[in-house]
């Protein structure tokens, strides 16, 4: 068994499957870009953190039992041209939380507040 195989065994034991998935790519990248040890390790572990965050989000979304998944990329700004796109995209950054501001979305029924899918 080579060092690479032993490393994979250790990574499995530590439950670092994201590292296993990106190890070969990051080794190649480190060689091609002449990365230092710290930068290589940072990128490798960042892949693991990103994978875990993604998995946690996926789990939370499944547990939420939403009827449909919606994102800002799905929002149809053409449905109601009166919706201020720039303001909505600014709200999506959640900067209002850091500024300790309140946000209230109000308006008549059917104007797009709940991000409902419109059947045509």
N, C-alpha and C. Protein backbone atom coordinates (compact mmCIF):
# COMPACT_ATOMS: atom_id res chain seq x y z
N UNK A 1 0.85 -1.18 0.00
CA UNK A 1 0.00 0.00 0.00
C UNK A 1 0.89 1.24 0.00
N UNK A 2 0.61 2.17 -0.93
CA UNK A 2 1.42 3.36 -1.05
C UNK A 2 0.95 4.46 -0.11
N UNK A 3 1.73 5.52 -0.07
CA UNK A 3 1.41 6.66 0.79
C UNK A 3 0.04 7.23 0.43
N UNK A 4 -0.25 7.30 -0.87
CA UNK A 4 -1.53 7.83 -1.31
C UNK A 4 -2.68 6.99 -0.78
N UNK A 5 -2.55 5.67 -0.85
CA UNK A 5 -3.60 4.78 -0.34
C UNK A 5 -3.75 4.92 1.17
N UNK A 6 -2.63 5.03 1.86
CA UNK A 6 -2.67 5.21 3.31
C UNK A 6 -3.32 6.54 3.68
N UNK A 7 -3.02 7.57 2.89
CA UNK A 7 -3.61 8.88 3.13
C UNK A 7 -5.13 8.82 2.97
N UNK A 8 -5.59 8.14 1.94
CA UNK A 8 -7.03 8.00 1.71
C UNK A 8 -7.68 7.27 2.89
N UNK A 9 -7.03 6.24 3.40
CA UNK A 9 -7.55 5.51 4.56
C UNK A 9 -7.68 6.43 5.77
N UNK A 10 -6.67 7.25 6.00
CA UNK A 10 -6.68 8.19 7.13
C UNK A 10 -7.79 9.23 6.93
N UNK A 11 -7.92 9.75 5.71
CA UNK A 11 -8.95 10.74 5.44
C UNK A 11 -10.35 10.15 5.64
N UNK A 12 -10.53 8.89 5.26
CA UNK A 12 -11.81 8.23 5.49
C UNK A 12 -12.08 8.08 6.98
N UNK A 13 -11.06 7.71 7.71
CA UNK A 13 -11.21 7.55 9.16
C UNK A 13 -11.59 8.87 9.81
N UNK A 14 -11.03 9.95 9.31
CA UNK A 14 -11.32 11.29 9.83
C UNK A 14 -12.60 11.89 9.24
N UNK A 15 -13.23 11.14 8.35
CA UNK A 15 -14.45 11.57 7.68
C UNK A 15 -14.25 12.87 6.91
N UNK A 16 -13.19 12.89 6.12
CA UNK A 16 -12.86 14.05 5.29
C UNK A 16 -13.04 13.68 3.81
N UNK A 17 -14.26 13.28 3.46
CA UNK A 17 -14.50 12.83 2.09
C UNK A 17 -14.36 13.96 1.07
N UNK A 18 -14.61 15.20 1.47
CA UNK A 18 -14.41 16.33 0.56
C UNK A 18 -12.95 16.47 0.17
N UNK A 19 -12.07 16.20 1.11
CA UNK A 19 -10.63 16.25 0.84
C UNK A 19 -10.27 15.14 -0.15
N UNK A 20 -10.83 13.95 0.06
CA UNK A 20 -10.56 12.82 -0.84
C UNK A 20 -10.99 13.17 -2.25
N UNK A 21 -12.17 13.79 -2.37
CA UNK A 21 -12.71 14.13 -3.69
C UNK A 21 -11.85 15.14 -4.44
N UNK A 22 -11.25 16.07 -3.73
CA UNK A 22 -10.50 17.13 -4.42
C UNK A 22 -8.98 16.98 -4.31
N UNK A 23 -8.51 15.94 -3.68
CA UNK A 23 -7.08 15.77 -3.44
C UNK A 23 -6.26 15.77 -4.73
N UNK A 24 -6.63 14.92 -5.69
CA UNK A 24 -5.86 14.83 -6.94
C UNK A 24 -5.84 16.16 -7.69
N UNK A 25 -6.99 16.82 -7.74
CA UNK A 25 -7.07 18.10 -8.44
C UNK A 25 -6.19 19.13 -7.75
N UNK A 26 -6.26 19.18 -6.43
CA UNK A 26 -5.47 20.17 -5.69
C UNK A 26 -3.97 19.87 -5.75
N UNK A 27 -3.60 18.59 -5.78
CA UNK A 27 -2.17 18.25 -5.92
C UNK A 27 -1.67 18.74 -7.27
N UNK A 28 -2.46 18.46 -8.32
CA UNK A 28 -2.08 18.92 -9.67
C UNK A 28 -1.99 20.44 -9.71
N UNK A 29 -2.96 21.10 -9.10
CA UNK A 29 -2.98 22.56 -9.08
C UNK A 29 -1.76 23.10 -8.31
N UNK A 30 -1.44 22.48 -7.19
CA UNK A 30 -0.29 22.92 -6.39
C UNK A 30 1.01 22.79 -7.19
N UNK A 31 1.10 21.71 -7.95
CA UNK A 31 2.30 21.49 -8.77
C UNK A 31 2.37 22.50 -9.91
N UNK A 32 1.25 22.65 -10.62
CA UNK A 32 1.22 23.56 -11.77
C UNK A 32 1.43 25.02 -11.38
N UNK A 33 0.82 25.42 -10.25
CA UNK A 33 0.89 26.82 -9.83
C UNK A 33 1.99 27.08 -8.81
N UNK A 34 2.77 26.04 -8.51
CA UNK A 34 3.87 26.15 -7.56
C UNK A 34 3.39 26.73 -6.22
N UNK A 35 2.31 26.15 -5.69
CA UNK A 35 1.74 26.63 -4.43
C UNK A 35 2.58 26.16 -3.25
N UNK A 36 2.62 26.99 -2.23
CA UNK A 36 3.28 26.60 -0.99
C UNK A 36 2.40 25.64 -0.21
N UNK A 37 2.99 25.03 0.81
CA UNK A 37 2.27 24.05 1.62
C UNK A 37 1.02 24.64 2.27
N UNK A 38 1.15 25.84 2.81
CA UNK A 38 0.02 26.47 3.51
C UNK A 38 -1.12 26.77 2.55
N UNK A 39 -0.81 27.27 1.37
CA UNK A 39 -1.85 27.58 0.37
C UNK A 39 -2.53 26.31 -0.11
N UNK A 40 -1.74 25.26 -0.34
CA UNK A 40 -2.28 23.96 -0.74
C UNK A 40 -3.24 23.43 0.32
N UNK A 41 -2.80 23.44 1.56
CA UNK A 41 -3.62 22.94 2.66
C UNK A 41 -4.88 23.78 2.83
N UNK A 42 -4.74 25.09 2.71
CA UNK A 42 -5.89 25.98 2.81
C UNK A 42 -6.94 25.64 1.75
N UNK A 43 -6.52 25.49 0.52
CA UNK A 43 -7.46 25.19 -0.57
C UNK A 43 -8.11 23.82 -0.38
N UNK A 44 -7.32 22.86 0.04
CA UNK A 44 -7.82 21.51 0.26
C UNK A 44 -8.88 21.49 1.37
N UNK A 45 -8.60 22.14 2.47
CA UNK A 45 -9.54 22.17 3.58
C UNK A 45 -10.75 23.07 3.28
N UNK A 46 -10.55 24.09 2.47
CA UNK A 46 -11.68 24.93 2.06
C UNK A 46 -12.68 24.11 1.24
N UNK A 47 -12.17 23.20 0.42
CA UNK A 47 -13.05 22.30 -0.34
C UNK A 47 -13.91 21.47 0.61
N UNK A 48 -13.31 20.99 1.68
CA UNK A 48 -14.04 20.18 2.66
C UNK A 48 -15.12 21.02 3.36
N UNK A 49 -14.77 22.21 3.76
CA UNK A 49 -15.73 23.09 4.43
C UNK A 49 -16.88 23.42 3.48
N UNK A 50 -16.57 23.71 2.25
CA UNK A 50 -17.60 24.03 1.26
C UNK A 50 -18.54 22.84 1.04
N UNK A 51 -17.97 21.64 0.96
CA UNK A 51 -18.78 20.44 0.77
C UNK A 51 -19.70 20.22 1.98
N UNK A 52 -19.16 20.38 3.17
CA UNK A 52 -19.97 20.19 4.38
C UNK A 52 -21.08 21.24 4.48
N UNK A 53 -20.74 22.49 4.20
CA UNK A 53 -21.76 23.54 4.23
C UNK A 53 -22.88 23.24 3.24
N UNK A 54 -22.50 22.80 2.06
CA UNK A 54 -23.48 22.46 1.04
C UNK A 54 -24.37 21.31 1.49
N UNK A 55 -23.77 20.29 2.08
CA UNK A 55 -24.54 19.15 2.58
C UNK A 55 -25.48 19.55 3.71
N UNK A 56 -25.00 20.41 4.61
CA UNK A 56 -25.85 20.87 5.70
C UNK A 56 -27.04 21.68 5.19
N UNK A 57 -26.79 22.53 4.21
CA UNK A 57 -27.87 23.31 3.62
C UNK A 57 -28.89 22.38 2.96
N UNK A 58 -28.40 21.41 2.22
CA UNK A 58 -29.28 20.45 1.55
C UNK A 58 -30.14 19.71 2.57
N UNK A 59 -29.56 19.30 3.68
CA UNK A 59 -30.30 18.61 4.74
C UNK A 59 -31.37 19.52 5.34
N UNK A 60 -31.01 20.77 5.61
CA UNK A 60 -31.99 21.70 6.19
C UNK A 60 -33.14 21.97 5.23
N UNK A 61 -32.83 22.08 3.94
CA UNK A 61 -33.88 22.31 2.96
C UNK A 61 -34.82 21.11 2.85
N UNK A 62 -34.27 19.90 2.93
CA UNK A 62 -35.12 18.71 2.90
C UNK A 62 -36.01 18.65 4.13
N UNK A 63 -35.46 18.95 5.29
CA UNK A 63 -36.23 18.93 6.53
C UNK A 63 -37.33 19.99 6.56
N UNK A 64 -37.11 21.08 5.85
CA UNK A 64 -38.09 22.16 5.82
C UNK A 64 -39.36 21.76 5.06
N UNK A 65 -39.26 20.77 4.21
CA UNK A 65 -40.41 20.27 3.44
C UNK A 65 -41.11 21.38 2.64
N UNK A 66 -40.34 22.22 2.00
CA UNK A 66 -40.93 23.25 1.16
C UNK A 66 -41.65 22.60 -0.01
N UNK A 67 -42.76 23.20 -0.43
CA UNK A 67 -43.47 22.68 -1.59
C UNK A 67 -42.59 22.81 -2.83
N UNK A 68 -41.93 23.93 -2.95
CA UNK A 68 -41.04 24.19 -4.07
C UNK A 68 -39.82 24.94 -3.57
N UNK A 69 -38.71 24.74 -4.24
CA UNK A 69 -37.51 25.52 -3.91
C UNK A 69 -37.46 26.75 -4.79
N UNK A 70 -37.16 27.85 -4.15
CA UNK A 70 -37.06 29.11 -4.87
C UNK A 70 -35.74 29.78 -4.52
N UNK A 71 -35.21 30.50 -5.46
CA UNK A 71 -34.00 31.28 -5.22
C UNK A 71 -34.13 32.60 -5.95
N UNK A 72 -33.24 33.51 -5.69
CA UNK A 72 -33.29 34.80 -6.36
C UNK A 72 -33.08 34.64 -7.87
N UNK A 73 -32.35 33.62 -8.26
CA UNK A 73 -32.14 33.37 -9.68
C UNK A 73 -33.44 32.99 -10.37
N UNK A 74 -34.38 32.42 -9.62
CA UNK A 74 -35.67 31.99 -10.16
C UNK A 74 -36.71 33.11 -10.20
N UNK A 75 -36.45 34.20 -9.49
CA UNK A 75 -37.46 35.25 -9.36
C UNK A 75 -37.74 35.89 -10.71
N UNK A 76 -39.01 35.98 -11.06
CA UNK A 76 -39.42 36.56 -12.34
C UNK A 76 -39.74 38.04 -12.15
N UNK A 77 -38.77 38.88 -12.41
CA UNK A 77 -38.96 40.32 -12.25
C UNK A 77 -39.86 40.89 -13.34
N UNK A 78 -40.06 40.13 -14.43
CA UNK A 78 -40.93 40.58 -15.51
C UNK A 78 -42.40 40.41 -15.14
N UNK A 79 -42.69 39.51 -14.17
CA UNK A 79 -44.06 39.27 -13.74
C UNK A 79 -44.72 40.55 -13.26
N UNK A 80 -43.99 41.33 -12.48
CA UNK A 80 -44.50 42.60 -11.97
C UNK A 80 -43.39 43.63 -12.11
N UNK A 81 -43.41 44.41 -13.17
CA UNK A 81 -42.34 45.40 -13.39
C UNK A 81 -42.22 46.46 -12.30
N UNK A 82 -43.25 46.60 -11.45
CA UNK A 82 -43.20 47.58 -10.37
C UNK A 82 -42.31 47.13 -9.22
N UNK A 83 -41.95 45.85 -9.19
CA UNK A 83 -41.08 45.34 -8.13
C UNK A 83 -39.69 45.93 -8.37
N UNK A 84 -39.14 46.66 -7.39
CA UNK A 84 -37.82 47.29 -7.58
C UNK A 84 -36.69 46.24 -7.51
N UNK A 85 -36.22 45.82 -8.66
CA UNK A 85 -35.22 44.75 -8.74
C UNK A 85 -33.98 45.05 -7.92
N UNK A 86 -33.44 46.24 -8.04
CA UNK A 86 -32.22 46.61 -7.31
C UNK A 86 -32.44 46.51 -5.80
N UNK A 87 -33.59 46.93 -5.33
CA UNK A 87 -33.90 46.89 -3.90
C UNK A 87 -34.03 45.44 -3.42
N UNK A 88 -34.69 44.60 -4.21
CA UNK A 88 -34.86 43.19 -3.85
C UNK A 88 -33.50 42.50 -3.80
N UNK A 89 -32.65 42.75 -4.78
CA UNK A 89 -31.32 42.14 -4.80
C UNK A 89 -30.47 42.64 -3.64
N UNK A 90 -30.66 43.90 -3.25
CA UNK A 90 -29.96 44.43 -2.09
C UNK A 90 -30.44 43.72 -0.82
N UNK A 91 -31.74 43.52 -0.69
CA UNK A 91 -32.28 42.81 0.46
C UNK A 91 -31.75 41.37 0.52
N UNK A 92 -31.52 40.77 -0.62
CA UNK A 92 -31.03 39.39 -0.68
C UNK A 92 -29.62 39.26 -0.10
N UNK A 93 -28.89 40.35 -0.03
CA UNK A 93 -27.55 40.31 0.58
C UNK A 93 -27.61 40.22 2.10
N UNK A 94 -28.79 40.52 2.65
CA UNK A 94 -29.04 40.51 4.11
C UNK A 94 -28.21 41.55 4.87
N UNK A 95 -27.75 42.57 4.20
CA UNK A 95 -27.01 43.64 4.88
C UNK A 95 -27.88 44.39 5.87
N UNK A 96 -29.21 44.36 5.64
CA UNK A 96 -30.12 45.03 6.57
C UNK A 96 -30.03 44.44 7.98
N UNK A 97 -29.62 43.18 8.07
CA UNK A 97 -29.48 42.54 9.38
C UNK A 97 -28.31 43.18 10.13
N UNK A 98 -27.19 43.35 9.45
CA UNK A 98 -26.02 43.99 10.08
C UNK A 98 -26.32 45.44 10.47
N UNK A 99 -27.14 46.11 9.65
CA UNK A 99 -27.49 47.51 9.94
C UNK A 99 -28.61 47.61 10.97
N UNK A 100 -29.12 46.44 11.40
CA UNK A 100 -30.20 46.36 12.40
C UNK A 100 -31.44 47.11 11.93
N UNK A 101 -31.78 46.93 10.65
CA UNK A 101 -32.96 47.54 10.07
C UNK A 101 -34.07 46.49 9.95
N UNK A 102 -35.30 46.96 10.00
CA UNK A 102 -36.45 46.09 9.80
C UNK A 102 -36.84 46.10 8.33
N UNK A 103 -37.41 44.99 7.87
CA UNK A 103 -37.89 44.90 6.50
C UNK A 103 -39.29 44.32 6.54
N UNK A 104 -40.19 44.96 5.83
CA UNK A 104 -41.56 44.50 5.76
C UNK A 104 -42.00 44.55 4.30
N UNK A 105 -42.42 43.42 3.77
CA UNK A 105 -42.90 43.37 2.39
C UNK A 105 -44.42 43.39 2.42
N UNK A 106 -45.01 44.43 1.85
CA UNK A 106 -46.46 44.56 1.83
C UNK A 106 -46.92 44.86 0.41
N UNK A 107 -48.15 44.53 0.14
CA UNK A 107 -48.73 44.82 -1.16
C UNK A 107 -49.94 43.96 -1.40
N UNK A 108 -50.66 44.27 -2.46
CA UNK A 108 -51.87 43.51 -2.77
C UNK A 108 -51.56 42.04 -3.12
N UNK A 109 -52.57 41.23 -3.02
CA UNK A 109 -52.46 39.82 -3.38
C UNK A 109 -52.05 39.68 -4.84
N UNK A 110 -51.16 38.71 -5.10
CA UNK A 110 -50.77 38.40 -6.48
C UNK A 110 -49.73 39.31 -7.09
N UNK A 111 -49.01 40.05 -6.26
CA UNK A 111 -48.00 40.97 -6.81
C UNK A 111 -46.58 40.43 -6.73
N UNK A 112 -46.41 39.23 -6.18
CA UNK A 112 -45.07 38.60 -6.19
C UNK A 112 -44.35 38.57 -4.87
N UNK A 113 -45.01 38.89 -3.77
CA UNK A 113 -44.33 38.93 -2.47
C UNK A 113 -43.85 37.55 -2.02
N UNK A 114 -44.64 36.52 -2.30
CA UNK A 114 -44.28 35.18 -1.81
C UNK A 114 -43.49 34.37 -2.83
N UNK A 115 -43.14 35.00 -3.96
CA UNK A 115 -42.29 34.31 -4.95
C UNK A 115 -42.98 33.08 -5.51
N UNK A 116 -44.29 33.14 -5.61
CA UNK A 116 -45.07 32.01 -6.13
C UNK A 116 -44.78 31.82 -7.62
N UNK A 117 -44.87 30.57 -8.03
CA UNK A 117 -44.71 30.27 -9.45
C UNK A 117 -46.02 30.63 -10.15
N UNK A 118 -45.90 31.35 -11.23
CA UNK A 118 -47.06 31.78 -11.97
C UNK A 118 -47.31 30.80 -13.11
N UNK A 119 -48.50 30.24 -13.18
CA UNK A 119 -48.81 29.33 -14.29
C UNK A 119 -49.34 30.16 -15.46
N UNK A 120 -48.80 29.87 -16.62
CA UNK A 120 -49.20 30.62 -17.82
C UNK A 120 -49.99 29.78 -18.76
